[in-house]
Protein backbone atom coordinates (compact mmCIF):
# COMPACT_ATOMS: atom_id res chain seq x y z
CA MET A 1 -2.17 48.80 2.66
CA SER A 2 -3.02 48.16 -0.99
CA GLU A 3 0.51 49.23 -1.98
CA ASN A 4 1.96 46.52 0.27
CA ILE A 5 -0.37 43.93 -1.23
CA ASP A 6 0.56 45.03 -4.76
CA GLU A 7 4.25 44.81 -3.89
CA PHE A 8 3.79 41.31 -2.45
CA ASP A 9 1.87 40.20 -5.55
CA LYS A 10 4.68 41.53 -7.71
CA ILE A 11 7.32 39.62 -5.73
CA MET A 12 5.34 36.39 -5.89
CA SER A 13 4.65 36.86 -9.60
CA GLU A 14 8.37 37.28 -10.29
CA PHE A 15 9.12 34.25 -8.15
CA MET A 16 6.62 32.04 -10.02
CA LYS A 17 7.95 33.17 -13.42
CA LYS A 18 11.45 32.31 -12.29
CA LYS A 19 10.25 28.97 -10.92
CA CYS A 20 8.43 27.99 -14.12
CA ALA A 21 11.39 28.95 -16.28
CA LYS A 22 13.71 26.56 -14.45
CA LYS A 23 14.31 22.97 -15.36
CA ALA A 24 13.00 20.35 -12.99
CA ASP A 25 15.26 19.61 -10.05
CA PRO A 26 17.23 16.37 -10.19
CA ASP A 27 16.11 13.33 -8.24
CA LEU A 28 17.51 14.73 -5.00
CA LEU A 29 16.43 11.84 -2.79
CA GLU A 30 17.45 9.21 -5.36
CA ARG A 31 13.97 7.74 -5.48
CA LYS A 32 14.51 6.44 -9.03
CA ASN A 33 17.21 4.14 -7.71
CA VAL A 34 14.89 2.93 -4.96
CA ILE A 35 12.06 2.26 -7.42
CA ASP A 36 14.47 0.42 -9.73
CA ASP A 37 15.68 -1.76 -6.85
CA ILE A 38 12.15 -2.66 -5.80
CA SER A 39 11.19 -3.34 -9.43
CA LYS A 40 14.03 -5.87 -9.74
CA ILE A 41 12.72 -7.73 -6.70
CA ILE A 42 9.19 -7.75 -8.13
CA ASP A 43 10.38 -8.81 -11.61
CA ASP A 44 12.23 -11.79 -10.15
CA ARG A 45 9.12 -12.90 -8.27
CA LEU A 46 6.86 -12.45 -11.31
CA LEU A 47 8.80 -15.28 -12.93
CA SER A 48 8.31 -17.50 -9.90
CA LYS A 49 5.35 -19.26 -8.31
CA GLN A 50 6.51 -18.18 -4.87
CA PRO A 51 4.77 -15.41 -2.89
CA LEU A 52 6.47 -12.18 -1.95
CA SER A 53 5.74 -10.02 1.07
CA LEU A 54 8.11 -7.07 0.86
CA ALA A 55 8.33 -4.57 3.71
CA LEU A 56 9.35 -1.10 2.56
CA THR A 57 10.76 0.26 5.80
CA GLY A 58 11.51 3.87 6.65
CA ILE A 59 10.73 6.65 9.06
CA TRP A 60 7.75 8.98 8.67
CA GLY A 61 8.16 11.47 5.83
CA VAL A 62 10.76 9.47 3.92
CA GLY A 63 8.47 9.08 0.89
CA LYS A 64 7.03 5.58 1.24
CA SER A 65 3.62 6.53 -0.18
CA TYR A 66 5.19 8.25 -3.19
CA ILE A 67 7.28 5.18 -3.97
CA LEU A 68 4.25 2.88 -3.67
CA LYS A 69 2.30 5.09 -6.08
CA GLU A 70 5.13 4.97 -8.63
CA ILE A 71 5.33 1.18 -8.34
CA GLU A 72 1.56 0.87 -8.80
CA ASP A 73 1.69 2.97 -11.98
CA LYS A 74 4.67 1.04 -13.31
CA TYR A 75 2.99 -2.37 -12.89
CA SER A 76 -0.60 -1.41 -13.68
CA ASP A 77 -0.51 -3.31 -17.00
CA ARG A 78 1.52 -6.31 -15.87
CA CYS A 79 -0.26 -7.05 -12.59
CA ILE A 80 -3.67 -6.90 -10.97
CA VAL A 81 -3.10 -4.00 -8.59
CA PHE A 82 -5.03 -3.66 -5.35
CA HIS A 83 -4.41 -0.64 -3.12
CA TYR A 84 -5.34 -1.03 0.52
CA ASP A 85 -5.31 2.16 2.61
CA CYS A 86 -5.26 0.85 6.19
CA TRP A 87 -6.12 4.15 7.80
CA LYS A 88 -9.03 4.78 5.43
CA ASN A 89 -10.57 1.45 6.47
CA ASP A 90 -9.67 1.36 10.15
CA TYR A 91 -13.26 1.87 11.31
CA TYR A 92 -14.00 -1.82 10.66
CA ASP A 93 -13.58 -3.97 13.76
CA GLU A 94 -12.39 -6.79 11.52
CA PRO A 95 -9.58 -5.71 9.11
CA LEU A 96 -10.63 -8.46 6.71
CA VAL A 97 -13.69 -6.36 5.81
CA GLY A 98 -11.47 -3.41 4.86
CA ILE A 99 -9.30 -5.67 2.71
CA LEU A 100 -12.40 -7.03 0.96
CA SER A 101 -13.63 -3.46 0.44
CA ALA A 102 -10.40 -2.59 -1.36
CA ILE A 103 -10.81 -5.63 -3.62
CA SER A 104 -14.46 -4.79 -4.33
CA GLU A 105 -13.63 -1.16 -5.13
CA ARG A 106 -11.01 -2.26 -7.66
CA LEU A 107 -13.36 -4.79 -9.29
CA ASN A 108 -16.00 -2.11 -9.60
CA LYS A 109 -13.58 0.20 -11.41
CA ILE A 110 -12.40 -2.55 -13.78
CA GLU A 111 -15.98 -3.51 -14.57
CA ALA A 112 -16.92 0.09 -15.36
CA GLU A 113 -13.94 0.52 -17.72
CA ASN A 114 -14.25 -2.83 -19.50
CA PRO A 115 -16.11 -2.85 -22.86
CA ASP A 116 -16.37 -6.66 -23.06
CA GLU A 117 -19.79 -7.77 -21.80
CA GLN A 118 -18.70 -11.27 -20.75
CA GLN A 119 -15.77 -9.87 -18.79
CA LYS A 120 -18.03 -7.24 -17.24
CA GLN A 121 -20.29 -10.06 -16.09
CA TYR A 122 -17.30 -11.83 -14.55
CA TYR A 123 -16.18 -8.76 -12.60
CA ARG A 124 -19.75 -8.06 -11.54
CA THR A 125 -20.12 -11.60 -10.22
CA MET A 126 -16.76 -11.45 -8.46
CA ARG A 127 -17.73 -8.18 -6.83
CA GLU A 128 -20.99 -9.69 -5.63
CA VAL A 129 -19.09 -12.61 -4.09
CA VAL A 130 -16.75 -10.22 -2.30
CA PHE A 131 -19.72 -8.21 -1.07
CA GLN A 132 -21.45 -11.32 0.27
CA ILE A 133 -18.29 -12.40 2.11
CA SER A 134 -17.83 -8.92 3.49
CA ARG A 135 -21.45 -8.72 4.67
CA GLY A 136 -21.22 -12.10 6.33
CA THR A 137 -17.96 -11.10 8.01
CA ILE A 138 -19.57 -7.98 9.45
CA GLN A 139 -22.35 -10.19 10.83
CA ASN A 140 -19.81 -12.34 12.67
CA TYR A 141 -19.60 -14.91 9.88
CA THR A 142 -23.16 -16.15 10.40
CA GLY A 143 -25.28 -14.09 8.01
CA MET A 144 -24.06 -15.49 4.69
CA ASP A 145 -26.49 -16.77 2.09
CA ILE A 146 -24.93 -20.17 1.36
CA GLY A 147 -27.23 -20.88 -1.57
CA ARG A 148 -26.40 -17.53 -3.13
CA PHE A 149 -22.68 -18.27 -2.67
CA ARG A 150 -22.90 -21.59 -4.50
CA SER A 151 -24.78 -19.96 -7.36
CA LEU A 152 -22.27 -17.15 -7.69
CA PHE A 153 -19.26 -19.45 -7.71
CA ALA A 154 -20.96 -21.68 -10.28
CA ASP A 155 -21.30 -18.58 -12.48
CA ILE A 156 -17.62 -17.76 -12.01
CA LYS A 157 -16.52 -21.28 -12.94
CA ASN A 158 -18.64 -21.16 -16.11
CA LEU A 159 -17.16 -17.81 -17.08
CA LEU A 160 -13.60 -18.94 -16.44
CA LYS A 161 -13.81 -21.90 -18.82
CA LEU A 162 -10.62 -23.38 -17.41
CA LYS A 163 -9.59 -26.99 -17.98
CA LYS A 164 -8.57 -27.33 -14.35
CA LYS A 165 -11.44 -27.12 -11.92
CA ILE A 166 -11.09 -24.45 -9.25
CA GLU A 167 -11.76 -25.84 -5.82
CA ILE A 168 -13.53 -23.58 -3.36
CA ALA A 169 -13.77 -24.26 0.36
CA SER A 170 -17.02 -25.69 1.66
CA PHE A 171 -19.37 -22.80 2.34
CA ASP A 172 -21.15 -24.72 5.07
CA SER A 173 -18.07 -24.22 7.25
CA LEU A 174 -17.86 -20.45 6.86
CA SER A 175 -18.17 -19.79 10.55
CA ASN A 176 -14.85 -18.25 11.55
CA VAL A 177 -12.07 -16.02 10.25
CA SER A 178 -9.92 -18.93 9.12
CA ASP A 179 -12.62 -20.31 6.83
CA VAL A 180 -13.37 -16.87 5.37
CA ILE A 181 -9.67 -16.36 4.63
CA ASP A 182 -9.56 -19.72 2.85
CA VAL A 183 -12.42 -18.63 0.59
CA VAL A 184 -10.79 -15.25 -0.12
CA ASN A 185 -7.51 -16.99 -0.89
CA ASN A 186 -9.19 -19.32 -3.38
CA LEU A 187 -11.11 -16.40 -4.85
CA LEU A 188 -7.90 -14.46 -5.52
CA CYS A 189 -6.28 -17.53 -7.08
CA ALA A 190 -9.28 -17.89 -9.41
CA TYR A 191 -9.00 -14.21 -10.29
CA MET A 192 -5.30 -14.54 -11.17
CA ALA A 193 -6.05 -17.62 -13.27
CA TYR A 194 -8.73 -15.71 -15.19
CA GLU A 195 -6.52 -12.68 -15.81
CA GLY A 196 -3.29 -14.59 -16.39
CA LYS A 197 -1.55 -12.09 -14.11
CA LYS A 198 -0.30 -11.96 -10.57
CA ILE A 199 -1.84 -9.76 -7.91
CA LEU A 200 0.20 -6.83 -6.63
CA PHE A 201 -1.29 -5.96 -3.26
CA VAL A 202 -0.08 -2.54 -2.10
CA VAL A 203 -0.59 -1.65 1.56
CA ASP A 204 -0.14 1.92 2.79
CA GLU A 205 -0.86 4.09 5.85
CA LEU A 206 -0.32 1.22 8.29
CA ASP A 207 1.60 3.61 10.55
CA ARG A 208 -1.50 5.75 11.14
CA CYS A 209 -3.52 2.93 12.69
CA LEU A 210 -3.58 2.11 16.38
CA PRO A 211 -0.81 -0.39 17.31
CA ASP A 212 -3.01 -3.42 18.02
CA TYR A 213 -5.11 -2.82 14.89
CA ALA A 214 -2.01 -2.44 12.69
CA ILE A 215 -0.68 -5.78 13.91
CA LYS A 216 -4.08 -7.39 13.29
CA ILE A 217 -3.96 -6.10 9.70
CA LEU A 218 -0.51 -7.61 9.19
CA ASN A 219 -1.73 -10.98 10.42
CA ARG A 220 -4.78 -10.94 8.13
CA LEU A 221 -2.66 -10.02 5.09
CA HIS A 222 -0.14 -12.69 5.98
CA HIS A 223 -2.76 -15.43 6.09
CA ILE A 224 -4.41 -14.29 2.84
CA CYS A 225 -1.11 -14.21 0.95
CA TYR A 226 0.57 -17.15 2.67
CA GLU A 227 1.68 -19.79 0.14
CA THR A 228 -0.25 -17.94 -2.60
CA PRO A 229 1.69 -16.36 -5.52
CA ILE A 230 0.64 -12.85 -4.52
CA ILE A 231 3.13 -9.99 -4.45
CA GLN A 232 2.54 -7.83 -1.40
CA LEU A 233 4.21 -4.46 -0.74
CA VAL A 234 3.73 -3.03 2.73
CA ALA A 235 5.02 0.41 3.75
CA VAL A 236 5.98 0.38 7.43
CA ASN A 237 7.76 2.60 9.90
CA ASP A 238 9.64 -0.33 11.39
CA GLN A 239 11.08 1.72 14.25
CA GLU A 240 7.63 2.60 15.57
CA LEU A 241 6.12 -0.79 14.78
CA THR A 242 8.95 -2.51 16.64
CA LYS A 243 8.11 -0.51 19.77
CA ASN A 244 4.42 -1.30 19.35
CA ILE A 245 4.97 -5.04 18.97
CA ASN A 246 7.32 -5.24 21.94
CA GLY A 247 4.88 -3.19 24.01
CA LEU A 248 1.81 -5.26 23.13
CA TYR A 249 3.60 -8.51 23.95
CA ASN A 250 5.39 -7.06 26.99
CA ARG A 251 8.81 -7.75 25.47
CA GLU A 252 10.37 -4.28 25.72
CA LYS A 253 13.74 -5.68 26.83
CA GLU A 254 13.95 -8.25 24.03
CA ASP A 255 15.36 -6.44 20.97
CA LEU A 256 15.07 -9.46 18.69
CA PHE A 257 11.45 -10.28 19.49
CA ALA A 258 9.95 -7.81 17.00
CA ARG A 259 12.42 -8.88 14.31
CA ARG A 260 11.41 -12.52 14.73
CA TYR A 261 7.78 -11.43 14.55
CA PHE A 262 8.45 -9.50 11.31
CA ASN A 263 10.15 -12.54 9.82
CA ARG A 264 6.89 -14.46 10.18
CA ILE A 265 5.07 -11.77 8.20
CA PHE A 266 7.58 -10.61 5.58
CA THR A 267 9.74 -12.60 3.19
CA ASN A 268 11.91 -9.62 2.15
CA TYR A 269 12.86 -6.16 3.39
CA TYR A 270 13.92 -2.96 1.67
CA LYS A 271 15.07 -0.01 3.74
CA ILE A 272 14.32 3.32 2.06
CA PRO A 273 17.27 5.69 2.47
CA VAL A 274 16.67 9.28 3.50
CA GLY A 275 18.82 10.71 0.69
CA ILE A 276 21.06 13.75 0.82
CA SER A 277 21.90 15.61 4.03
CA SER A 278 19.13 17.62 5.67
CA SER A 279 20.90 20.98 5.48
CA GLU A 280 21.67 20.58 1.79
CA LEU A 281 18.06 19.62 1.07
CA ILE A 282 16.82 22.77 2.79
CA ARG A 283 19.26 24.87 0.77
CA LEU A 284 17.96 23.36 -2.47
CA CYS A 285 14.34 23.95 -1.46
CA TRP A 286 15.10 27.52 -0.35
CA LYS A 287 17.28 28.58 -3.26
CA ASP A 288 14.39 30.08 -5.24
CA PHE A 289 13.99 32.82 -2.65
CA ASP A 290 17.62 33.96 -2.78
CA ASP A 291 16.79 37.07 -4.79
CA PHE A 292 14.27 38.29 -2.23
CA PHE A 293 16.19 37.93 1.05
CA VAL A 294 19.47 39.37 2.31
CA PRO A 295 21.64 36.71 3.99
CA ASN A 296 22.86 37.36 7.53
CA PRO A 297 26.60 36.61 7.75
CA LYS A 298 26.44 36.17 11.53
CA TYR A 299 24.71 32.78 11.42
CA ASP A 300 23.77 30.00 9.03
CA ALA A 301 19.97 29.88 9.08
CA PHE A 302 19.92 26.78 6.90
CA GLU A 303 22.00 24.75 9.33
CA MET A 304 19.89 25.93 12.26
CA LEU A 305 16.64 25.08 10.48
CA SER A 306 17.88 21.66 9.46
CA GLU A 307 18.86 20.79 13.01
CA VAL A 308 15.46 21.82 14.38
CA VAL A 309 13.14 20.49 11.68
CA LEU A 310 14.94 17.41 10.44
CA GLN A 311 16.88 16.32 13.50
CA ASP A 312 15.34 12.82 13.47
CA PHE A 313 16.63 12.10 9.97
């Protein structure tokens, strides 16, 4: 038994040495081209005052999350980046609370990393405002401390020191989702004014949420970013979401219904291509094991595997 284990360890050791000695594989799925294309769209909108809600569409497993991560890293210095994991926050009945949690988490990180005391105070105050809004939202928009709100926003205005006064919605009317969204919208505008940067709001894992909740998230994000110069990237499996939307609205026989619905939410679309053929991809992934297996001339295992595993591609 130990001899078999030793032999296996030897094979794997040789394999890893061979693997480490090789140069990195080329960009097989051409993700660099995809990232460059998306970057051009973002760059154009950074020069504009218009909002952008870009849907990155593609089937499950096509690499949407990887592309979002690369975009976040690329624009981390040029934009205020918020990452909203829909699935991570889907236990909130109201998606707005999850969105606020993502904002608060980011503010907390910036505050911790910032050496400037005045700026730290600004981020701390902003985070407290977001927390108060979030708490009030959880309590059905009735448990907010209005006096505390006014004090916090007065602190923010003093810290901003802007010539143009920032108008904030009347806190006395914070009794429904619409009013809360107005306050969040104004808050994000004040934040962009303070930083001198645009917000890049990255939304991932929407496909993992239940259909009705995913659509509710899209509507909340739409109203927060509507007519606000925020750049929003949303990764979606449009094939599945189309079925969900048609099903929820009982429009299964109307192919264009979901597309018209999407057009209300998104200003632009980018379809992520799958890349090279499935069988060729499997060959490239499998090639490292060539020295350890004897090919069977009677059948092409790669073709068979590609048909079974990647048939939906």
